[in-house]
């Protein structure tokens, strides 16, 4: 994944986590939602399969405190 794609994926994660936490969800749930949103974004952007996109997002080591 190139730097610009990585930045957009991280932004999708961060925005989703912020929305989930603002809605009162815990950090673990917010992380799951953020990871799912980021993977869906990556998949739609690049055309990779969902499982591969999820693995790439997981590999970024994102967490709700990032």
Protein backbone atom coordinates (compact mmCIF):
# COMPACT_ATOMS: atom_id res chain seq x y z
CA UNK A 1 0.00 0.00 0.00
CA UNK A 2 1.43 3.38 -0.93
CA UNK A 3 1.66 6.30 1.48
CA UNK A 4 -1.36 8.21 0.17
CA UNK A 5 -3.56 5.12 0.34
CA UNK A 6 -2.29 4.36 3.84
CA UNK A 7 -3.15 7.90 4.93
CA UNK A 8 -6.70 7.65 3.57
CA UNK A 9 -7.23 4.23 5.17
CA UNK A 10 -6.02 5.55 8.52
CA UNK A 11 -8.32 8.55 8.21
CA UNK A 12 -11.29 6.26 7.50
CA UNK A 13 -10.38 4.26 10.60
CA UNK A 14 -9.93 7.35 12.79
CA UNK A 15 -13.20 8.94 11.68
CA UNK A 16 -15.17 5.76 12.29
CA UNK A 17 -13.59 5.21 15.70
CA UNK A 18 -14.33 8.81 16.70
CA UNK A 19 -17.97 8.48 15.63
CA UNK A 20 -18.37 5.16 17.46
CA UNK A 21 -16.84 6.49 20.66
CA UNK A 22 -18.93 9.66 20.47
CA UNK A 23 -21.98 7.40 20.25
CA UNK A 24 -20.95 5.78 23.53
CA UNK A 25 -19.42 2.58 22.21
CA UNK A 26 -16.40 1.16 24.00
CA UNK A 27 -12.89 1.15 22.58
CA UNK A 28 -13.03 -2.51 21.51
CA UNK A 29 -16.26 -2.01 19.57
CA UNK A 30 -15.02 1.25 18.09
CA UNK A 31 -11.83 -0.53 16.96
CA UNK A 32 -13.83 -3.30 15.27
CA UNK A 33 -16.02 -0.76 13.50
CA UNK A 34 -13.00 1.30 12.47
CA UNK A 35 -11.15 -1.72 11.15
CA UNK A 36 -14.17 -2.85 9.18
CA UNK A 37 -14.70 0.61 7.69
CA UNK A 38 -11.03 0.98 6.77
CA UNK A 39 -10.95 -2.47 5.16
CA UNK A 40 -14.11 -1.76 3.18
CA UNK A 41 -12.62 1.53 2.03
CA UNK A 42 -9.36 -0.14 0.99
CA UNK A 43 -11.22 -2.89 -0.83
CA UNK A 44 -13.36 -0.41 -2.75
CA UNK A 45 -10.38 1.79 -3.55
CA UNK A 46 -8.03 -0.91 -4.77
CA UNK A 47 -10.32 -3.78 -5.74
CA UNK A 48 -8.60 -6.28 -3.45
CA UNK A 49 -10.69 -9.00 -1.83
CA UNK A 50 -12.22 -8.25 1.56
CA UNK A 51 -10.02 -10.72 3.45
CA UNK A 52 -6.85 -9.28 1.95
CA UNK A 53 -7.98 -5.73 2.71
CA UNK A 54 -8.75 -6.72 6.30
CA UNK A 55 -5.31 -8.30 6.67
CA UNK A 56 -3.63 -5.18 5.31
CA UNK A 57 -5.57 -2.93 7.70
CA UNK A 58 -4.80 -5.24 10.63
CA UNK A 59 -1.14 -5.05 9.64
CA UNK A 60 -1.16 -1.28 10.16
CA UNK A 61 -1.52 -1.82 13.91
CA UNK A 62 -4.18 0.83 14.36
CA UNK A 63 -5.83 1.37 17.72
CA UNK A 64 -8.44 3.78 19.08
CA UNK A 65 -5.72 5.84 20.76
CA UNK A 66 -3.69 6.42 17.55
